[in-house]
Amino acid sequence: QAPGKDREFVAAIEWGGTNTAYAD
């Protein structure tokens, strides 16, 4: 979350630690 902006997604990982997702 940057000043004056909404909280945004950055990255995620499933519990097994293999599959990931990222913001563009």
PDB file of all heavy atoms in Angstrom:
ATOM      1  N   GLN A   1       0.842  -1.184   0.000  1.00  0.00           N
ATOM      2  CA  GLN A   1       0.000   0.000   0.000  1.00  0.00           C
ATOM      3  C   GLN A   1       0.883   1.242   0.000  1.00  0.00           C
ATOM      4  O   GLN A   1       1.644   1.468   0.936  1.00  0.00           O
ATOM      5  CB  GLN A   1      -0.931   0.015   1.206  1.00  0.00           C
ATOM      6  CG  GLN A   1      -1.954   1.129   1.172  1.00  0.00           C
ATOM      7  CD  GLN A   1      -3.050   0.940   2.205  1.00  0.00           C
ATOM      8  OE1 GLN A   1      -2.856   0.258   3.209  1.00  0.00           O
ATOM      9  NE2 GLN A   1      -4.198   1.522   1.947  1.00  0.00           N
ATOM     10  N   ALA A   2       0.775   2.017  -1.064  1.00  0.00           N
ATOM     11  CA  ALA A   2       1.494   3.269  -1.183  1.00  0.00           C
ATOM     12  C   ALA A   2       0.661   4.389  -0.572  1.00  0.00           C
ATOM     13  O   ALA A   2      -0.564   4.274  -0.467  1.00  0.00           O
ATOM     14  CB  ALA A   2       1.801   3.567  -2.643  1.00  0.00           C
ATOM     15  N   PRO A   3       1.292   5.490  -0.171  1.00  0.00           N
ATOM     16  CA  PRO A   3       0.547   6.605   0.414  1.00  0.00           C
ATOM     17  C   PRO A   3      -0.568   7.097  -0.499  1.00  0.00           C
ATOM     18  O   PRO A   3      -0.341   7.352  -1.682  1.00  0.00           O
ATOM     19  CB  PRO A   3       1.622   7.679   0.610  1.00  0.00           C
ATOM     20  CG  PRO A   3       2.892   6.912   0.748  1.00  0.00           C
ATOM     21  CD  PRO A   3       2.746   5.737  -0.175  1.00  0.00           C
ATOM     22  N   GLY A   4      -1.775   7.211   0.045  1.00  0.00           N
ATOM     23  CA  GLY A   4      -2.908   7.701  -0.707  1.00  0.00           C
ATOM     24  C   GLY A   4      -3.508   6.722  -1.692  1.00  0.00           C
ATOM     25  O   GLY A   4      -4.400   7.098  -2.458  1.00  0.00           O
ATOM     26  N   LYS A   5      -3.042   5.484  -1.702  1.00  0.00           N
ATOM     27  CA  LYS A   5      -3.540   4.489  -2.644  1.00  0.00           C
ATOM     28  C   LYS A   5      -4.108   3.281  -1.909  1.00  0.00           C
ATOM     29  O   LYS A   5      -3.829   3.059  -0.738  1.00  0.00           O
ATOM     30  CB  LYS A   5      -2.427   4.046  -3.593  1.00  0.00           C
ATOM     31  CG  LYS A   5      -1.883   5.155  -4.475  1.00  0.00           C
ATOM     32  CD  LYS A   5      -0.836   4.639  -5.440  1.00  0.00           C
ATOM     33  CE  LYS A   5      -0.319   5.743  -6.336  1.00  0.00           C
ATOM     34  NZ  LYS A   5       0.708   5.246  -7.290  1.00  0.00           N
ATOM     35  N   ASP A   6      -4.914   2.509  -2.629  1.00  0.00           N
ATOM     36  CA  ASP A   6      -5.480   1.292  -2.066  1.00  0.00           C
ATOM     37  C   ASP A   6      -4.424   0.200  -1.961  1.00  0.00           C
ATOM     38  O   ASP A   6      -3.427   0.196  -2.686  1.00  0.00           O
ATOM     39  CB  ASP A   6      -6.639   0.789  -2.926  1.00  0.00           C
ATOM     40  CG  ASP A   6      -7.834   1.705  -2.914  1.00  0.00           C
ATOM     41  OD1 ASP A   6      -8.024   2.422  -1.917  1.00  0.00           O
ATOM     42  OD2 ASP A   6      -8.592   1.704  -3.907  1.00  0.00           O
ATOM     43  N   ARG A   7      -4.665  -0.733  -1.051  1.00  0.00           N
ATOM     44  CA  ARG A   7      -3.794  -1.882  -0.951  1.00  0.00           C
ATOM     45  C   ARG A   7      -3.913  -2.745  -2.206  1.00  0.00           C
ATOM     46  O   ARG A   7      -5.018  -3.009  -2.687  1.00  0.00           O
ATOM     47  CB  ARG A   7      -4.147  -2.697   0.295  1.00  0.00           C
ATOM     48  CG  ARG A   7      -3.197  -3.843   0.582  1.00  0.00           C
ATOM     49  CD  ARG A   7      -3.477  -4.455   1.943  1.00  0.00           C
ATOM     50  NE  ARG A   7      -3.272  -3.492   3.021  1.00  0.00           N
ATOM     51  CZ  ARG A   7      -3.368  -3.792   4.308  1.00  0.00           C
ATOM     52  NH1 ARG A   7      -3.670  -5.025   4.685  1.00  0.00           N
ATOM     53  NH2 ARG A   7      -3.180  -2.846   5.220  1.00  0.00           N
ATOM     54  N   GLU A   8      -2.786  -3.176  -2.742  1.00  0.00           N
ATOM     55  CA  GLU A   8      -2.797  -3.936  -3.973  1.00  0.00           C
ATOM     56  C   GLU A   8      -2.035  -5.249  -3.831  1.00  0.00           C
ATOM     57  O   GLU A   8      -1.088  -5.373  -3.055  1.00  0.00           O
ATOM     58  CB  GLU A   8      -2.211  -3.117  -5.134  1.00  0.00           C
ATOM     59  CG  GLU A   8      -0.742  -2.773  -4.981  1.00  0.00           C
ATOM     60  CD  GLU A   8      -0.164  -2.073  -6.198  1.00  0.00           C
ATOM     61  OE1 GLU A   8      -0.790  -2.112  -7.275  1.00  0.00           O
ATOM     62  OE2 GLU A   8       0.931  -1.475  -6.071  1.00  0.00           O
ATOM     63  N   PHE A   9      -2.455  -6.202  -4.620  1.00  0.00           N
ATOM     64  CA  PHE A   9      -1.831  -7.514  -4.652  1.00  0.00           C
ATOM     65  C   PHE A   9      -0.451  -7.431  -5.271  1.00  0.00           C
ATOM     66  O   PHE A   9      -0.236  -6.715  -6.253  1.00  0.00           O
ATOM     67  CB  PHE A   9      -2.713  -8.472  -5.460  1.00  0.00           C
ATOM     68  CG  PHE A   9      -2.048  -9.768  -5.814  1.00  0.00           C
ATOM     69  CD1 PHE A   9      -1.916 -10.776  -4.873  1.00  0.00           C
ATOM     70  CD2 PHE A   9      -1.541  -9.981  -7.082  1.00  0.00           C
ATOM     71  CE1 PHE A   9      -1.302 -11.977  -5.194  1.00  0.00           C
ATOM     72  CE2 PHE A   9      -0.934 -11.170  -7.421  1.00  0.00           C
ATOM     73  CZ  PHE A   9      -0.811 -12.166  -6.467  1.00  0.00           C
ATOM     74  N   VAL A  10       0.490  -8.180  -4.708  1.00  0.00           N
ATOM     75  CA  VAL A  10       1.851  -8.245  -5.237  1.00  0.00           C
ATOM     76  C   VAL A  10       2.190  -9.653  -5.707  1.00  0.00           C
ATOM     77  O   VAL A  10       2.578  -9.860  -6.859  1.00  0.00           O
ATOM     78  CB  VAL A  10       2.884  -7.780  -4.196  1.00  0.00           C
ATOM     79  CG1 VAL A  10       4.305  -7.957  -4.737  1.00  0.00           C
ATOM     80  CG2 VAL A  10       2.638  -6.334  -3.806  1.00  0.00           C
ATOM     81  N   ALA A  11       2.053 -10.640  -4.813  1.00  0.00           N
ATOM     82  CA  ALA A  11       2.443 -12.003  -5.149  1.00  0.00           C
ATOM     83  C   ALA A  11       1.745 -12.981  -4.223  1.00  0.00           C
ATOM     84  O   ALA A  11       1.350 -12.632  -3.109  1.00  0.00           O
ATOM     85  CB  ALA A  11       3.963 -12.183  -5.050  1.00  0.00           C
ATOM     86  N   ALA A  12       1.593 -14.215  -4.679  1.00  0.00           N
ATOM     87  CA  ALA A  12       0.981 -15.260  -3.871  1.00  0.00           C
ATOM     88  C   ALA A  12       1.642 -16.593  -4.163  1.00  0.00           C
ATOM     89  O   ALA A  12       2.201 -16.808  -5.249  1.00  0.00           O
ATOM     90  CB  ALA A  12      -0.525 -15.353  -4.148  1.00  0.00           C
ATOM     91  N   ILE A  13       1.570 -17.488  -3.196  1.00  0.00           N
ATOM     92  CA  ILE A  13       2.124 -18.827  -3.341  1.00  0.00           C
ATOM     93  C   ILE A  13       1.220 -19.813  -2.613  1.00  0.00           C
ATOM     94  O   ILE A  13       0.716 -19.521  -1.528  1.00  0.00           O
ATOM     95  CB  ILE A  13       3.583 -18.880  -2.808  1.00  0.00           C
ATOM     96  CG1 ILE A  13       4.251 -20.205  -3.156  1.00  0.00           C
ATOM     97  CG2 ILE A  13       3.622 -18.614  -1.305  1.00  0.00           C
ATOM     98  CD1 ILE A  13       5.768 -20.176  -2.939  1.00  0.00           C
ATOM     99  N   GLU A  14       0.976 -20.972  -3.240  1.00  0.00           N
ATOM    100  CA  GLU A  14       0.163 -21.978  -2.592  1.00  0.00           C
ATOM    101  C   GLU A  14       0.967 -22.665  -1.487  1.00  0.00           C
ATOM    102  O   GLU A  14       2.189 -22.553  -1.437  1.00  0.00           O
ATOM    103  CB  GLU A  14      -0.390 -22.989  -3.606  1.00  0.00           C
ATOM    104  CG  GLU A  14       0.622 -23.534  -4.611  1.00  0.00           C
ATOM    105  CD  GLU A  14       1.465 -24.664  -4.054  1.00  0.00           C
ATOM    106  OE1 GLU A  14       1.013 -25.341  -3.114  1.00  0.00           O
ATOM    107  OE2 GLU A  14       2.573 -24.880  -4.559  1.00  0.00           O
ATOM    108  N   TRP A  15       0.273 -23.400  -0.626  1.00  0.00           N
ATOM    109  CA  TRP A  15       0.937 -23.884   0.589  1.00  0.00           C
ATOM    110  C   TRP A  15       2.079 -24.853   0.319  1.00  0.00           C
ATOM    111  O   TRP A  15       2.997 -24.977   1.142  1.00  0.00           O
ATOM    112  CB  TRP A  15      -0.076 -24.490   1.565  1.00  0.00           C
ATOM    113  CG  TRP A  15      -0.761 -25.771   1.146  1.00  0.00           C
ATOM    114  CD1 TRP A  15      -2.019 -25.893   0.631  1.00  0.00           C
ATOM    115  CD2 TRP A  15      -0.237 -27.100   1.247  1.00  0.00           C
ATOM    116  NE1 TRP A  15      -2.317 -27.216   0.397  1.00  0.00           N
ATOM    117  CE2 TRP A  15      -1.242 -27.975   0.769  1.00  0.00           C
ATOM    118  CE3 TRP A  15       0.967 -27.638   1.696  1.00  0.00           C
ATOM    119  CZ2 TRP A  15      -1.062 -29.366   0.723  1.00  0.00           C
ATOM    120  CZ3 TRP A  15       1.144 -29.015   1.645  1.00  0.00           C
ATOM    121  CH2 TRP A  15       0.141 -29.862   1.169  1.00  0.00           C
ATOM    122  N   GLY A  16       2.044 -25.546  -0.814  1.00  0.00           N
ATOM    123  CA  GLY A  16       3.120 -26.454  -1.138  1.00  0.00           C
ATOM    124  C   GLY A  16       4.404 -25.769  -1.561  1.00  0.00           C
ATOM    125  O   GLY A  16       5.463 -26.403  -1.588  1.00  0.00           O
ATOM    126  N   GLY A  17       4.329 -24.484  -1.892  1.00  0.00           N
ATOM    127  CA  GLY A  17       5.519 -23.710  -2.220  1.00  0.00           C
ATOM    128  C   GLY A  17       5.987 -23.820  -3.654  1.00  0.00           C
ATOM    129  O   GLY A  17       7.134 -23.473  -3.953  1.00  0.00           O
ATOM    130  N   THR A  18       5.122 -24.266  -4.569  1.00  0.00           N
ATOM    131  CA  THR A  18       5.507 -24.439  -5.955  1.00  0.00           C
ATOM    132  C   THR A  18       4.824 -23.439  -6.884  1.00  0.00           C
ATOM    133  O   THR A  18       5.489 -22.679  -7.575  1.00  0.00           O
ATOM    134  CB  THR A  18       5.198 -25.868  -6.431  1.00  0.00           C
ATOM    135  OG1 THR A  18       5.925 -26.810  -5.637  1.00  0.00           O
ATOM    136  CG2 THR A  18       5.595 -26.044  -7.894  1.00  0.00           C
ATOM    137  N   ASN A  19       3.500 -23.433  -6.909  1.00  0.00           N
ATOM    138  CA  ASN A  19       2.757 -22.544  -7.800  1.00  0.00           C
ATOM    139  C   ASN A  19       2.719 -21.125  -7.248  1.00  0.00           C
ATOM    140  O   ASN A  19       2.501 -20.923  -6.049  1.00  0.00           O
ATOM    141  CB  ASN A  19       1.339 -23.071  -8.006  1.00  0.00           C
ATOM    142  CG  ASN A  19       1.319 -24.405  -8.713  1.00  0.00           C
ATOM    143  OD1 ASN A  19       2.122 -24.668  -9.594  1.00  0.00           O
ATOM    144  ND2 ASN A  19       0.376 -25.266  -8.324  1.00  0.00           N
ATOM    145  N   THR A  20       2.918 -20.152  -8.132  1.00  0.00           N
ATOM    146  CA  THR A  20       2.964 -18.753  -7.725  1.00  0.00           C
ATOM    147  C   THR A  20       2.155 -17.886  -8.678  1.00  0.00           C
ATOM    148  O   THR A  20       1.843 -18.285  -9.799  1.00  0.00           O
ATOM    149  CB  THR A  20       4.408 -18.233  -7.685  1.00  0.00           C
ATOM    150  OG1 THR A  20       5.009 -18.396  -8.979  1.00  0.00           O
ATOM    151  CG2 THR A  20       5.226 -18.996  -6.656  1.00  0.00           C
ATOM    152  N   ALA A  21       1.823 -16.686  -8.212  1.00  0.00           N
ATOM    153  CA  ALA A  21       1.144 -15.689  -9.032  1.00  0.00           C
ATOM    154  C   ALA A  21       1.709 -14.322  -8.698  1.00  0.00           C
ATOM    155  O   ALA A  21       2.090 -14.060  -7.552  1.00  0.00           O
ATOM    156  CB  ALA A  21      -0.363 -15.722  -8.796  1.00  0.00           C
ATOM    157  N   TYR A  22       1.756 -13.440  -9.700  1.00  0.00           N
ATOM    158  CA  TYR A  22       2.331 -12.115  -9.526  1.00  0.00           C
ATOM    159  C   TYR A  22       1.472 -11.056 -10.188  1.00  0.00           C
ATOM    160  O   TYR A  22       0.833 -11.301 -11.219  1.00  0.00           O
ATOM    161  CB  TYR A  22       3.736 -12.040 -10.125  1.00  0.00           C
ATOM    162  CG  TYR A  22       4.735 -12.966  -9.482  1.00  0.00           C
ATOM    163  CD1 TYR A  22       4.968 -14.232  -9.996  1.00  0.00           C
ATOM    164  CD2 TYR A  22       5.447 -12.568  -8.358  1.00  0.00           C
ATOM    165  CE1 TYR A  22       5.878 -15.090  -9.403  1.00  0.00           C
ATOM    166  CE2 TYR A  22       6.362 -13.425  -7.760  1.00  0.00           C
ATOM    167  CZ  TYR A  22       6.574 -14.680  -8.288  1.00  0.00           C
ATOM    168  OH  TYR A  22       7.480 -15.526  -7.696  1.00  0.00           O
ATOM    169  N   ALA A  23       1.488  -9.865  -9.601  1.00  0.00           N
ATOM    170  CA  ALA A  23       0.919  -8.718 -10.273  1.00  0.00           C
ATOM    171  C   ALA A  23       1.760  -8.387 -11.500  1.00  0.00           C
ATOM    172  O   ALA A  23       2.985  -8.579 -11.505  1.00  0.00           O
ATOM    173  CB  ALA A  23       0.871  -7.517  -9.336  1.00  0.00           C
ATOM    174  N   ASP A  24       1.108  -7.884 -12.552  1.00  0.00           N
ATOM    175  CA  ASP A  24       1.830  -7.550 -13.775  1.00  0.00           C
ATOM    176  C   ASP A  24       2.951  -6.545 -13.522  1.00  0.00           C
ATOM    177  O   ASP A  24       3.993  -6.587 -14.179  1.00  0.00           O
ATOM    178  CB  ASP A  24       0.869  -7.006 -14.823  1.00  0.00           C
ATOM    179  CG  ASP A  24      -0.057  -8.068 -15.384  1.00  0.00           C
ATOM    180  OD1 ASP A  24       0.255  -9.267 -15.248  1.00  0.00           O
ATOM    181  OD2 ASP A  24      -1.095  -7.695 -15.972  1.00  0.00           O
TER     182      ASP A  24
END
